[in-house]
Amino acid sequence: MPRSETAETRERNRPLRVVVSPSERARIEAKAAAAGLSVSAYLRSVGLGYQPRSVVDLDAVERLAKVNADLGRLGGLLKLWLTDMPGRGVPVADIRDLLGQIKDTQDDLRHAVTRL
C-alpha cells in the first residue's frame, strides 16, 4: 500500500468475513507469506487494488550467487590462459569451449534474474 494509507489510523473493529474453501485458504495464506504480509494485510491490499510485492526468494538469490561465482571462475581461467600461456598448452578448441560455457552461464544468470 502507499505509505500515506498505511500511516493513517484505521478503525480496525470491522472485520470482513470471506468464505473460502480449504485449498483457497491455503493459496491465500501462501501468497500472503510470499509477500511478507499477514493474511489480513494481504487481503486488504489486494481488495483495495494494490499489488503486494513479493519478498525475494532466498533460494533464488543463492542460485544467482552460485551462477555468478561460476561465471567469475570461468573468466579467471580464461584470463590465466590469455596472460600466462597464450597459445601454449591449451588447444584453441578448449578456449572456444570455455567461451561457450561462459555464454551458457551468462544465459543461466539472465534466466534466473527474469524469474525473480
C-alpha atoms as a PDB file:
ATOM      1  CA  MET A   1       0.000   0.000   0.000  1.00  0.00           C
ATOM      2  CA  PRO A   2       1.168   3.561  -0.497  1.00  0.00           C
ATOM      3  CA  ARG A   3       2.816   4.980   2.597  1.00  0.00           C
ATOM      4  CA  SER A   4       0.077   7.583   3.134  1.00  0.00           C
ATOM      5  CA  GLU A   5      -2.568   4.880   3.551  1.00  0.00           C
ATOM      6  CA  THR A   6      -0.514   2.696   5.875  1.00  0.00           C
ATOM      7  CA  ALA A   7       0.321   5.694   8.050  1.00  0.00           C
ATOM      8  CA  GLU A   8      -3.291   6.740   8.536  1.00  0.00           C
ATOM      9  CA  THR A   9      -5.103   5.460  11.601  1.00  0.00           C
ATOM     10  CA  ARG A  10      -7.724   2.864  10.813  1.00  0.00           C
ATOM     11  CA  GLU A  11     -10.701   1.776  12.776  1.00  0.00           C
ATOM     12  CA  ARG A  12      -9.946  -1.922  12.997  1.00  0.00           C
ATOM     13  CA  ASN A  13     -13.058  -3.236  14.636  1.00  0.00           C
ATOM     14  CA  ARG A  14     -14.979  -4.047  11.477  1.00  0.00           C
ATOM     15  CA  PRO A  15     -13.879  -7.468  10.253  1.00  0.00           C
ATOM     16  CA  LEU A  16     -14.824  -8.543   6.775  1.00  0.00           C
ATOM     17  CA  ARG A  17     -15.754 -12.187   6.507  1.00  0.00           C
ATOM     18  CA  VAL A  18     -14.890 -14.093   3.342  1.00  0.00           C
ATOM     19  CA  VAL A  19     -15.921 -17.702   2.851  1.00  0.00           C
ATOM     20  CA  VAL A  20     -13.267 -19.794   1.079  1.00  0.00           C
ATOM     21  CA  SER A  21     -12.522 -23.471   0.529  1.00  0.00           C
ATOM     22  CA  PRO A  22      -9.578 -25.086   2.332  1.00  0.00           C
ATOM     23  CA  SER A  23      -7.492 -25.038  -0.856  1.00  0.00           C
ATOM     24  CA  GLU A  24      -8.315 -21.362  -1.475  1.00  0.00           C
ATOM     25  CA  ARG A  25      -7.350 -20.551   2.108  1.00  0.00           C
ATOM     26  CA  ALA A  26      -4.030 -22.350   1.662  1.00  0.00           C
ATOM     27  CA  ARG A  27      -3.322 -20.455  -1.555  1.00  0.00           C
ATOM     28  CA  ILE A  28      -4.187 -17.103   0.045  1.00  0.00           C
ATOM     29  CA  GLU A  29      -2.009 -17.876   3.067  1.00  0.00           C
ATOM     30  CA  ALA A  30       0.878 -18.896   0.814  1.00  0.00           C
ATOM     31  CA  LYS A  31       0.585 -15.708  -1.246  1.00  0.00           C
ATOM     32  CA  ALA A  32       0.430 -13.589   1.902  1.00  0.00           C
ATOM     33  CA  ALA A  33       3.550 -15.301   3.259  1.00  0.00           C
ATOM     34  CA  ALA A  34       5.360 -14.831  -0.068  1.00  0.00           C
ATOM     35  CA  ALA A  35       4.550 -11.116   0.109  1.00  0.00           C
ATOM     36  CA  GLY A  36       5.716 -10.951   3.724  1.00  0.00           C
ATOM     37  CA  LEU A  37       2.257  -9.898   4.923  1.00  0.00           C
ATOM     38  CA  SER A  38      -0.359 -11.229   7.273  1.00  0.00           C
ATOM     39  CA  VAL A  39      -3.420 -12.703   5.592  1.00  0.00           C
ATOM     40  CA  SER A  40      -5.422  -9.686   6.722  1.00  0.00           C
ATOM     41  CA  ALA A  41      -2.910  -7.177   5.336  1.00  0.00           C
ATOM     42  CA  TYR A  42      -2.605  -9.157   2.097  1.00  0.00           C
ATOM     43  CA  LEU A  43      -6.371  -9.326   1.534  1.00  0.00           C
ATOM     44  CA  ARG A  44      -6.769  -5.656   2.451  1.00  0.00           C
ATOM     45  CA  SER A  45      -4.059  -4.685  -0.064  1.00  0.00           C
ATOM     46  CA  VAL A  46      -5.468  -6.832  -2.858  1.00  0.00           C
ATOM     47  CA  GLY A  47      -9.041  -5.747  -2.092  1.00  0.00           C
ATOM     48  CA  LEU A  48      -8.054  -2.094  -2.319  1.00  0.00           C
ATOM     49  CA  GLY A  49      -6.397  -2.632  -5.684  1.00  0.00           C
ATOM     50  CA  TYR A  50      -2.750  -2.781  -4.661  1.00  0.00           C
ATOM     51  CA  GLN A  51      -0.410  -5.484  -5.892  1.00  0.00           C
ATOM     52  CA  PRO A  52       1.694  -6.617  -2.942  1.00  0.00           C
ATOM     53  CA  ARG A  53       5.363  -7.045  -3.738  1.00  0.00           C
ATOM     54  CA  SER A  54       6.786 -10.469  -3.202  1.00  0.00           C
ATOM     55  CA  VAL A  55       9.618 -10.968  -0.757  1.00  0.00           C
ATOM     56  CA  VAL A  56      12.766 -12.008  -2.611  1.00  0.00           C
ATOM     57  CA  ASP A  57      13.131 -15.768  -2.653  1.00  0.00           C
ATOM     58  CA  LEU A  58      16.318 -16.600  -0.759  1.00  0.00           C
ATOM     59  CA  ASP A  59      16.800 -19.792  -2.778  1.00  0.00           C
ATOM     60  CA  ALA A  60      16.738 -17.753  -5.978  1.00  0.00           C
ATOM     61  CA  VAL A  61      19.319 -15.357  -4.556  1.00  0.00           C
ATOM     62  CA  GLU A  62      21.543 -18.303  -3.614  1.00  0.00           C
ATOM     63  CA  ARG A  63      21.235 -19.767  -7.124  1.00  0.00           C
ATOM     64  CA  LEU A  64      22.159 -16.399  -8.629  1.00  0.00           C
ATOM     65  CA  ALA A  65      25.200 -16.142  -6.369  1.00  0.00           C
ATOM     66  CA  LYS A  66      26.356 -19.619  -7.456  1.00  0.00           C
ATOM     67  CA  VAL A  67      25.913 -18.820 -11.134  1.00  0.00           C
ATOM     68  CA  ASN A  68      27.781 -15.559 -10.657  1.00  0.00           C
ATOM     69  CA  ALA A  69      30.632 -17.405  -8.907  1.00  0.00           C
ATOM     70  CA  ASP A  70      30.786 -19.917 -11.776  1.00  0.00           C
ATOM     71  CA  LEU A  71      30.998 -17.066 -14.240  1.00  0.00           C
ATOM     72  CA  GLY A  72      33.839 -15.494 -12.245  1.00  0.00           C
ATOM     73  CA  ARG A  73      35.769 -18.777 -12.167  1.00  0.00           C
ATOM     74  CA  LEU A  74      35.363 -19.273 -15.911  1.00  0.00           C
ATOM     75  CA  GLY A  75      36.519 -15.715 -16.577  1.00  0.00           C
ATOM     76  CA  GLY A  76      39.507 -16.254 -14.304  1.00  0.00           C
ATOM     77  CA  LEU A  77      40.516 -19.384 -16.197  1.00  0.00           C
ATOM     78  CA  LEU A  78      40.319 -17.549 -19.491  1.00  0.00           C
ATOM     79  CA  LYS A  79      42.385 -14.658 -18.142  1.00  0.00           C
ATOM     80  CA  LEU A  80      45.007 -17.091 -16.834  1.00  0.00           C
ATOM     81  CA  TRP A  81      45.329 -18.724 -20.210  1.00  0.00           C
ATOM     82  CA  LEU A  82      45.497 -15.425 -22.072  1.00  0.00           C
ATOM     83  CA  THR A  83      48.162 -13.927 -19.791  1.00  0.00           C
ATOM     84  CA  ASP A  84      50.314 -16.904 -18.809  1.00  0.00           C
ATOM     85  CA  MET A  85      50.118 -19.293 -21.743  1.00  0.00           C
ATOM     86  CA  PRO A  86      48.781 -17.606 -24.851  1.00  0.00           C
ATOM     87  CA  GLY A  87      48.619 -20.301 -27.500  1.00  0.00           C
ATOM     88  CA  ARG A  88      50.604 -22.787 -25.416  1.00  0.00           C
ATOM     89  CA  GLY A  89      49.368 -25.988 -23.859  1.00  0.00           C
ATOM     90  CA  VAL A  90      45.701 -25.325 -24.469  1.00  0.00           C
ATOM     91  CA  PRO A  91      44.069 -26.044 -27.791  1.00  0.00           C
ATOM     92  CA  VAL A  92      42.001 -23.268 -29.316  1.00  0.00           C
ATOM     93  CA  ALA A  93      39.005 -25.636 -29.211  1.00  0.00           C
ATOM     94  CA  ASP A  94      39.267 -25.730 -25.400  1.00  0.00           C
ATOM     95  CA  ILE A  95      39.210 -21.944 -25.258  1.00  0.00           C
ATOM     96  CA  ARG A  96      36.171 -21.896 -27.522  1.00  0.00           C
ATOM     97  CA  ASP A  97      34.511 -24.431 -25.217  1.00  0.00           C
ATOM     98  CA  LEU A  98      35.319 -22.201 -22.263  1.00  0.00           C
ATOM     99  CA  LEU A  99      33.813 -19.203 -24.022  1.00  0.00           C
ATOM    100  CA  GLY A 100      30.719 -21.300 -24.739  1.00  0.00           C
ATOM    101  CA  GLN A 101      30.496 -22.226 -21.050  1.00  0.00           C
ATOM    102  CA  ILE A 102      30.766 -18.566 -20.089  1.00  0.00           C
ATOM    103  CA  LYS A 103      27.967 -17.715 -22.523  1.00  0.00           C
ATOM    104  CA  ASP A 104      25.822 -20.557 -21.156  1.00  0.00           C
ATOM    105  CA  THR A 105      26.432 -19.352 -17.622  1.00  0.00           C
ATOM    106  CA  GLN A 106      25.503 -15.810 -18.583  1.00  0.00           C
ATOM    107  CA  ASP A 107      22.281 -17.171 -20.083  1.00  0.00           C
ATOM    108  CA  ASP A 108      21.573 -19.079 -16.845  1.00  0.00           C
ATOM    109  CA  LEU A 109      22.092 -15.892 -14.866  1.00  0.00           C
ATOM    110  CA  ARG A 110      19.828 -13.926 -17.201  1.00  0.00           C
ATOM    111  CA  HIS A 111      17.076 -16.571 -16.894  1.00  0.00           C
ATOM    112  CA  ALA A 112      17.390 -16.648 -13.116  1.00  0.00           C
ATOM    113  CA  VAL A 113      17.047 -12.860 -12.924  1.00  0.00           C
ATOM    114  CA  THR A 114      13.940 -12.845 -15.104  1.00  0.00           C
ATOM    115  CA  ARG A 115      12.316 -15.472 -12.834  1.00  0.00           C
ATOM    116  CA  LEU A 116      12.641 -13.140  -9.856  1.00  0.00           C
END
